[in-house]
């Protein structure tokens, strides 16, 4: 059974009297431990697809199973639980609390999950160790480089041991050297068994994935296998 099984996904927006079809019958299948890149120009539907796969939005039509469960049948509480427990998000802009330490930023998903204080702190420290930031636990975002801030964001995404790490333009705000370090970290996490989905417009970023889906005008334009698992 696939980790993600999405069939005939449509997303339609009503703009006045006009219907905008952001996605038009997209199929996506992702296996446990896969590394997938989703590419496409602005307006191709890649952000819409990311929002659907991340349970941040629901499709107009079509079906989506995550770990064998029908996502469209879930209520708001179940979707919130999925977003907290099953999916780790990494964004281009880091989205860290500016006055909080790295440790506190990373433990936030565990607070929302109701995890006890000692267990939270232990889990956050382990996640920071995983991204090589064990010596920066007490630093605030303004005391960290861009690459270190993105590593904190990745640690936060990993702290609940999610089924999927979903990254949206994760190197977009980083210089090329720092971006390469983050991609090397993604490679390492994937080799450790993490399922990765990266949304990007950069061929170099997508080149680290095993499979690439290219979107155009809301449809899959091509599917490419870059390397075997």
C-alpha atoms as a PDB file:
ATOM      1  CA  UNK A   1       0.000   0.000   0.000  1.00  0.00           C
ATOM      2  CA  UNK A   2       1.298   3.468  -0.917  1.00  0.00           C
ATOM      3  CA  UNK A   3       1.826   6.080   1.782  1.00  0.00           C
ATOM      4  CA  UNK A   4       0.025   8.621  -0.434  1.00  0.00           C
ATOM      5  CA  UNK A   5      -2.563   7.661  -3.020  1.00  0.00           C
ATOM      6  CA  UNK A   6      -4.227  10.656  -4.694  1.00  0.00           C
ATOM      7  CA  UNK A   7      -6.563  10.070  -7.630  1.00  0.00           C
ATOM      8  CA  UNK A   8      -8.184  12.576 -10.029  1.00  0.00           C
ATOM      9  CA  UNK A   9      -7.520  15.586  -7.805  1.00  0.00           C
ATOM     10  CA  UNK A  10      -9.324  18.724  -8.944  1.00  0.00           C
ATOM     11  CA  UNK A  11      -9.195  22.125  -7.268  1.00  0.00           C
ATOM     12  CA  UNK A  12     -11.489  24.807  -8.638  1.00  0.00           C
ATOM     13  CA  UNK A  13     -11.777  28.391  -7.433  1.00  0.00           C
ATOM     14  CA  UNK A  14     -14.654  30.724  -8.212  1.00  0.00           C
ATOM     15  CA  UNK A  15     -13.405  34.172  -9.271  1.00  0.00           C
ATOM     16  CA  UNK A  16     -16.551  36.218  -9.851  1.00  0.00           C
ATOM     17  CA  UNK A  17     -18.372  34.506 -12.686  1.00  0.00           C
ATOM     18  CA  UNK A  18     -15.240  32.630 -13.786  1.00  0.00           C
ATOM     19  CA  UNK A  19     -14.058  29.202 -12.618  1.00  0.00           C
ATOM     20  CA  UNK A  20     -10.288  28.785 -12.224  1.00  0.00           C
ATOM     21  CA  UNK A  21      -9.100  25.179 -12.389  1.00  0.00           C
ATOM     22  CA  UNK A  22      -5.864  25.161 -10.340  1.00  0.00           C
ATOM     23  CA  UNK A  23      -5.639  21.355 -10.585  1.00  0.00           C
ATOM     24  CA  UNK A  24      -7.273  19.212 -13.242  1.00  0.00           C
ATOM     25  CA  UNK A  25      -7.364  15.483 -12.571  1.00  0.00           C
ATOM     26  CA  UNK A  26      -3.928  14.974 -11.003  1.00  0.00           C
ATOM     27  CA  UNK A  27      -2.820  11.496  -9.833  1.00  0.00           C
ATOM     28  CA  UNK A  28       0.007  11.146  -7.297  1.00  0.00           C
ATOM     29  CA  UNK A  29       1.363   8.017  -5.623  1.00  0.00           C
ATOM     30  CA  UNK A  30       4.172   8.164  -3.052  1.00  0.00           C
ATOM     31  CA  UNK A  31       5.772   5.131  -1.414  1.00  0.00           C
ATOM     32  CA  UNK A  32       7.180   4.981   2.116  1.00  0.00           C
ATOM     33  CA  UNK A  33      10.781   6.260   1.995  1.00  0.00           C
ATOM     34  CA  UNK A  34      10.413   7.913  -1.419  1.00  0.00           C
ATOM     35  CA  UNK A  35      11.955  11.285  -2.290  1.00  0.00           C
ATOM     36  CA  UNK A  36       9.667  13.173  -4.685  1.00  0.00           C
ATOM     37  CA  UNK A  37      10.095  16.610  -6.235  1.00  0.00           C
ATOM     38  CA  UNK A  38       7.148  18.595  -7.602  1.00  0.00           C
ATOM     39  CA  UNK A  39       8.172  21.162 -10.220  1.00  0.00           C
ATOM     40  CA  UNK A  40       6.414  23.695 -12.382  1.00  0.00           C
ATOM     41  CA  UNK A  41       6.314  27.389 -13.270  1.00  0.00           C
ATOM     42  CA  UNK A  42       4.304  29.925 -11.315  1.00  0.00           C
ATOM     43  CA  UNK A  43       0.610  29.171 -11.756  1.00  0.00           C
ATOM     44  CA  UNK A  44       1.187  25.512 -12.660  1.00  0.00           C
ATOM     45  CA  UNK A  45      -0.633  24.218  -9.577  1.00  0.00           C
ATOM     46  CA  UNK A  46       2.328  22.983  -7.537  1.00  0.00           C
ATOM     47  CA  UNK A  47       1.489  25.062  -4.435  1.00  0.00           C
ATOM     48  CA  UNK A  48      -2.141  23.951  -4.684  1.00  0.00           C
ATOM     49  CA  UNK A  49      -1.038  20.320  -4.882  1.00  0.00           C
ATOM     50  CA  UNK A  50       1.283  20.784  -1.908  1.00  0.00           C
ATOM     51  CA  UNK A  51      -1.590  22.254   0.135  1.00  0.00           C
ATOM     52  CA  UNK A  52      -3.802  19.263  -0.705  1.00  0.00           C
ATOM     53  CA  UNK A  53      -1.124  16.678   0.085  1.00  0.00           C
ATOM     54  CA  UNK A  54      -0.333  18.510   3.333  1.00  0.00           C
ATOM     55  CA  UNK A  55      -4.018  18.530   4.344  1.00  0.00           C
ATOM     56  CA  UNK A  56      -3.962  22.339   4.425  1.00  0.00           C
ATOM     57  CA  UNK A  57      -6.787  22.362   1.865  1.00  0.00           C
ATOM     58  CA  UNK A  58      -9.335  19.912   0.460  1.00  0.00           C
ATOM     59  CA  UNK A  59      -9.904  18.985  -3.200  1.00  0.00           C
ATOM     60  CA  UNK A  60     -13.011  20.047  -5.115  1.00  0.00           C
ATOM     61  CA  UNK A  61     -13.163  16.548  -6.579  1.00  0.00           C
ATOM     62  CA  UNK A  62     -11.088  13.397  -6.340  1.00  0.00           C
ATOM     63  CA  UNK A  63      -9.808  11.134  -3.596  1.00  0.00           C
ATOM     64  CA  UNK A  64      -6.766  11.244  -1.328  1.00  0.00           C
ATOM     65  CA  UNK A  65      -5.635   8.430   0.943  1.00  0.00           C
ATOM     66  CA  UNK A  66      -2.844   8.983   3.477  1.00  0.00           C
ATOM     67  CA  UNK A  67      -1.619   5.804   5.152  1.00  0.00           C
ATOM     68  CA  UNK A  68      -4.747   4.072   3.865  1.00  0.00           C
ATOM     69  CA  UNK A  69      -7.145   6.630   5.381  1.00  0.00           C
ATOM     70  CA  UNK A  70      -9.542   8.713   3.269  1.00  0.00           C
ATOM     71  CA  UNK A  71      -8.545  12.318   3.960  1.00  0.00           C
ATOM     72  CA  UNK A  72     -11.716  13.873   2.508  1.00  0.00           C
ATOM     73  CA  UNK A  73     -13.798  11.930   5.069  1.00  0.00           C
ATOM     74  CA  UNK A  74     -11.968  13.527   8.027  1.00  0.00           C
ATOM     75  CA  UNK A  75     -13.384  16.340  10.152  1.00  0.00           C
ATOM     76  CA  UNK A  76     -11.410  19.442  11.171  1.00  0.00           C
ATOM     77  CA  UNK A  77     -10.046  17.846  14.370  1.00  0.00           C
ATOM     78  CA  UNK A  78      -8.822  14.780  12.479  1.00  0.00           C
ATOM     79  CA  UNK A  79      -7.167  16.980   9.830  1.00  0.00           C
ATOM     80  CA  UNK A  80      -5.454  19.047  12.536  1.00  0.00           C
ATOM     81  CA  UNK A  81      -4.163  15.813  14.101  1.00  0.00           C
ATOM     82  CA  UNK A  82      -2.825  14.674  10.691  1.00  0.00           C
ATOM     83  CA  UNK A  83      -1.038  17.997  10.171  1.00  0.00           C
ATOM     84  CA  UNK A  84       0.512  17.779  13.637  1.00  0.00           C
ATOM     85  CA  UNK A  85       1.427  14.076  13.720  1.00  0.00           C
ATOM     86  CA  UNK A  86       1.758  12.786  10.151  1.00  0.00           C
ATOM     87  CA  UNK A  87       3.246  15.688   8.180  1.00  0.00           C
ATOM     88  CA  UNK A  88       6.262  17.842   8.953  1.00  0.00           C
ATOM     89  CA  UNK A  89       6.298  21.191   7.111  1.00  0.00           C
ATOM     90  CA  UNK A  90       9.392  23.127   6.035  1.00  0.00           C
ATOM     91  CA  UNK A  91       8.807  26.557   4.472  1.00  0.00           C
ATOM     92  CA  UNK A  92      11.006  28.958   2.536  1.00  0.00           C
ATOM     93  CA  UNK A  93      10.565  31.657   5.198  1.00  0.00           C
ATOM     94  CA  UNK A  94      11.413  29.366   8.190  1.00  0.00           C
ATOM     95  CA  UNK A  95       8.371  30.599  10.232  1.00  0.00           C
ATOM     96  CA  UNK A  96      10.249  30.589  13.554  1.00  0.00           C
ATOM     97  CA  UNK A  97       9.155  32.486  16.671  1.00  0.00           C
ATOM     98  CA  UNK A  98      11.727  35.330  16.867  1.00  0.00           C
ATOM     99  CA  UNK A  99      11.919  35.555  20.664  1.00  0.00           C
ATOM    100  CA  UNK A 100      12.002  31.814  21.302  1.00  0.00           C
ATOM    101  CA  UNK A 101      15.130  29.676  21.493  1.00  0.00           C
ATOM    102  CA  UNK A 102      15.843  26.960  18.945  1.00  0.00           C
ATOM    103  CA  UNK A 103      14.798  24.384  21.537  1.00  0.00           C
ATOM    104  CA  UNK A 104      11.451  26.082  22.198  1.00  0.00           C
ATOM    105  CA  UNK A 105      10.745  26.522  18.477  1.00  0.00           C
ATOM    106  CA  UNK A 106      11.354  22.814  17.906  1.00  0.00           C
ATOM    107  CA  UNK A 107       9.202  21.652  20.828  1.00  0.00           C
ATOM    108  CA  UNK A 108       6.115  23.621  19.676  1.00  0.00           C
ATOM    109  CA  UNK A 109       4.454  20.719  17.781  1.00  0.00           C
ATOM    110  CA  UNK A 110       4.875  18.580  20.907  1.00  0.00           C
ATOM    111  CA  UNK A 111       3.165  21.256  23.017  1.00  0.00           C
ATOM    112  CA  UNK A 112       0.206  21.224  20.622  1.00  0.00           C
ATOM    113  CA  UNK A 113       0.197  17.422  20.824  1.00  0.00           C
ATOM    114  CA  UNK A 114      -0.057  17.548  24.636  1.00  0.00           C
ATOM    115  CA  UNK A 115       3.312  15.872  25.300  1.00  0.00           C
ATOM    116  CA  UNK A 116       4.707  16.227  28.843  1.00  0.00           C
ATOM    117  CA  UNK A 117       7.449  18.789  29.460  1.00  0.00           C
ATOM    118  CA  UNK A 118      10.389  16.422  30.056  1.00  0.00           C
ATOM    119  CA  UNK A 119       9.504  14.289  27.048  1.00  0.00           C
ATOM    120  CA  UNK A 120       9.117  17.444  24.922  1.00  0.00           C
ATOM    121  CA  UNK A 121      12.539  18.756  25.809  1.00  0.00           C
ATOM    122  CA  UNK A 122      14.199  15.385  25.208  1.00  0.00           C
ATOM    123  CA  UNK A 123      12.456  15.060  21.827  1.00  0.00           C
ATOM    124  CA  UNK A 124      13.397  18.606  20.757  1.00  0.00           C
ATOM    125  CA  UNK A 125      17.045  18.030  21.704  1.00  0.00           C
ATOM    126  CA  UNK A 126      17.123  14.785  19.702  1.00  0.00           C
ATOM    127  CA  UNK A 127      15.643  16.554  16.669  1.00  0.00           C
ATOM    128  CA  UNK A 128      18.259  19.333  16.901  1.00  0.00           C
ATOM    129  CA  UNK A 129      21.004  16.712  17.173  1.00  0.00           C
ATOM    130  CA  UNK A 130      19.630  15.127  14.004  1.00  0.00           C
ATOM    131  CA  UNK A 131      20.247  18.361  12.075  1.00  0.00           C
ATOM    132  CA  UNK A 132      23.651  19.007  13.714  1.00  0.00           C
ATOM    133  CA  UNK A 133      22.511  21.876  15.949  1.00  0.00           C
ATOM    134  CA  UNK A 134      23.006  20.344  19.390  1.00  0.00           C
ATOM    135  CA  UNK A 135      25.274  23.285  20.290  1.00  0.00           C
ATOM    136  CA  UNK A 136      22.668  25.931  19.349  1.00  0.00           C
ATOM    137  CA  UNK A 137      19.704  24.901  21.524  1.00  0.00           C
ATOM    138  CA  UNK A 138      19.628  28.203  23.469  1.00  0.00           C
ATOM    139  CA  UNK A 139      20.159  30.492  20.479  1.00  0.00           C
ATOM    140  CA  UNK A 140      17.329  32.643  19.135  1.00  0.00           C
ATOM    141  CA  UNK A 141      16.714  32.988  15.368  1.00  0.00           C
ATOM    142  CA  UNK A 142      18.519  36.361  15.141  1.00  0.00           C
ATOM    143  CA  UNK A 143      21.617  34.663  16.590  1.00  0.00           C
ATOM    144  CA  UNK A 144      21.618  32.005  13.849  1.00  0.00           C
ATOM    145  CA  UNK A 145      22.595  32.052  10.186  1.00  0.00           C
ATOM    146  CA  UNK A 146      19.985  31.461   7.482  1.00  0.00           C
ATOM    147  CA  UNK A 147      21.093  27.879   7.093  1.00  0.00           C
ATOM    148  CA  UNK A 148      20.938  27.271  10.836  1.00  0.00           C
ATOM    149  CA  UNK A 149      17.436  28.767  10.973  1.00  0.00           C
ATOM    150  CA  UNK A 150      16.318  26.396   8.232  1.00  0.00           C
ATOM    151  CA  UNK A 151      17.854  23.502  10.170  1.00  0.00           C
ATOM    152  CA  UNK A 152      15.811  24.539  13.225  1.00  0.00           C
ATOM    153  CA  UNK A 153      12.708  24.552  11.003  1.00  0.00           C
ATOM    154  CA  UNK A 154      13.607  21.059   9.739  1.00  0.00           C
ATOM    155  CA  UNK A 155      14.134  19.822  13.303  1.00  0.00           C
ATOM    156  CA  UNK A 156      10.710  21.220  14.228  1.00  0.00           C
ATOM    157  CA  UNK A 157       9.214  19.372  11.239  1.00  0.00           C
ATOM    158  CA  UNK A 158      10.856  16.120  12.351  1.00  0.00           C
ATOM    159  CA  UNK A 159      10.151  16.286  16.093  1.00  0.00           C
ATOM    160  CA  UNK A 160       6.877  14.311  15.916  1.00  0.00           C
ATOM    161  CA  UNK A 161       8.488  11.651  13.700  1.00  0.00           C
ATOM    162  CA  UNK A 162       6.012  12.355  10.878  1.00  0.00           C
ATOM    163  CA  UNK A 163       5.236  10.037   7.967  1.00  0.00           C
ATOM    164  CA  UNK A 164       6.138  12.752   5.453  1.00  0.00           C
ATOM    165  CA  UNK A 165       8.469  15.744   5.369  1.00  0.00           C
ATOM    166  CA  UNK A 166       6.890  18.318   3.042  1.00  0.00           C
ATOM    167  CA  UNK A 167       9.169  21.195   1.997  1.00  0.00           C
ATOM    168  CA  UNK A 168       8.128  24.250  -0.020  1.00  0.00           C
ATOM    169  CA  UNK A 169      11.097  25.940  -1.771  1.00  0.00           C
ATOM    170  CA  UNK A 170      13.334  25.023   1.210  1.00  0.00           C
ATOM    171  CA  UNK A 171      16.468  26.663  -0.252  1.00  0.00           C
ATOM    172  CA  UNK A 172      14.720  29.723  -1.705  1.00  0.00           C
ATOM    173  CA  UNK A 173      16.056  32.177   0.905  1.00  0.00           C
ATOM    174  CA  UNK A 174      19.538  30.661   1.158  1.00  0.00           C
ATOM    175  CA  UNK A 175      22.774  31.247  -0.733  1.00  0.00           C
ATOM    176  CA  UNK A 176      23.982  28.421  -2.981  1.00  0.00           C
ATOM    177  CA  UNK A 177      26.511  26.996  -0.502  1.00  0.00           C
ATOM    178  CA  UNK A 178      24.029  26.940   2.386  1.00  0.00           C
ATOM    179  CA  UNK A 179      21.334  25.575   0.070  1.00  0.00           C
ATOM    180  CA  UNK A 180      23.642  22.700  -0.872  1.00  0.00           C
ATOM    181  CA  UNK A 181      24.151  21.916   2.831  1.00  0.00           C
ATOM    182  CA  UNK A 182      20.370  21.742   3.370  1.00  0.00           C
ATOM    183  CA  UNK A 183      19.979  19.454   0.339  1.00  0.00           C
ATOM    184  CA  UNK A 184      22.753  17.212   1.681  1.00  0.00           C
ATOM    185  CA  UNK A 185      20.808  17.056   4.970  1.00  0.00           C
ATOM    186  CA  UNK A 186      17.650  16.081   3.032  1.00  0.00           C
ATOM    187  CA  UNK A 187      19.625  13.315   1.292  1.00  0.00           C
ATOM    188  CA  UNK A 188      20.785  12.023   4.662  1.00  0.00           C
ATOM    189  CA  UNK A 189      17.273  12.118   6.133  1.00  0.00           C
ATOM    190  CA  UNK A 190      15.917  10.242   3.113  1.00  0.00           C
ATOM    191  CA  UNK A 191      18.641   7.591   3.431  1.00  0.00           C
ATOM    192  CA  UNK A 192      17.547   7.192   7.070  1.00  0.00           C
ATOM    193  CA  UNK A 193      14.052   6.312   5.834  1.00  0.00           C
ATOM    194  CA  UNK A 194      12.177   9.624   5.849  1.00  0.00           C
ATOM    195  CA  UNK A 195       9.661  10.199   3.053  1.00  0.00           C
ATOM    196  CA  UNK A 196      10.401  13.545   1.377  1.00  0.00           C
ATOM    197  CA  UNK A 197       8.243  15.724  -0.877  1.00  0.00           C
ATOM    198  CA  UNK A 198       9.907  18.918  -2.081  1.00  0.00           C
ATOM    199  CA  UNK A 199       8.116  21.626  -4.068  1.00  0.00           C
ATOM    200  CA  UNK A 200      10.602  23.642  -6.116  1.00  0.00           C
ATOM    201  CA  UNK A 201      11.191  25.492  -9.364  1.00  0.00           C
ATOM    202  CA  UNK A 202      14.936  24.782  -9.243  1.00  0.00           C
ATOM    203  CA  UNK A 203      16.294  21.861 -11.291  1.00  0.00           C
ATOM    204  CA  UNK A 204      19.287  21.486  -8.950  1.00  0.00           C
ATOM    205  CA  UNK A 205      16.987  20.995  -5.964  1.00  0.00           C
ATOM    206  CA  UNK A 206      14.751  18.547  -7.844  1.00  0.00           C
ATOM    207  CA  UNK A 207      17.826  16.613  -8.992  1.00  0.00           C
ATOM    208  CA  UNK A 208      18.274  15.241  -5.463  1.00  0.00           C
ATOM    209  CA  UNK A 209      14.897  13.467  -5.627  1.00  0.00           C
ATOM    210  CA  UNK A 210      14.266   9.948  -6.905  1.00  0.00           C
ATOM    211  CA  UNK A 211      11.204  11.016  -8.859  1.00  0.00           C
ATOM    212  CA  UNK A 212      10.077  14.326 -10.375  1.00  0.00           C
ATOM    213  CA  UNK A 213       6.536  15.361 -11.249  1.00  0.00           C
ATOM    214  CA  UNK A 214       6.306  18.383 -13.557  1.00  0.00           C
ATOM    215  CA  UNK A 215       3.049  20.309 -13.565  1.00  0.00           C
ATOM    216  CA  UNK A 216       1.747  22.610 -16.280  1.00  0.00           C
ATOM    217  CA  UNK A 217      -1.618  24.408 -16.261  1.00  0.00           C
ATOM    218  CA  UNK A 218      -2.905  22.229 -13.413  1.00  0.00           C
ATOM    219  CA  UNK A 219      -2.058  18.908 -15.052  1.00  0.00           C
ATOM    220  CA  UNK A 220       0.905  16.531 -14.844  1.00  0.00           C
ATOM    221  CA  UNK A 221       3.097  17.397 -17.826  1.00  0.00           C
ATOM    222  CA  UNK A 222       5.697  14.692 -17.194  1.00  0.00           C
ATOM    223  CA  UNK A 223       6.916  12.128 -14.658  1.00  0.00           C
ATOM    224  CA  UNK A 224      10.611  11.314 -14.442  1.00  0.00           C
ATOM    225  CA  UNK A 225      12.533   8.771 -12.405  1.00  0.00           C
ATOM    226  CA  UNK A 226      15.980  10.208 -11.772  1.00  0.00           C
ATOM    227  CA  UNK A 227      17.404   7.313  -9.757  1.00  0.00           C
ATOM    228  CA  UNK A 228      16.297   4.048  -8.222  1.00  0.00           C
ATOM    229  CA  UNK A 229      15.485   3.778  -4.516  1.00  0.00           C
END
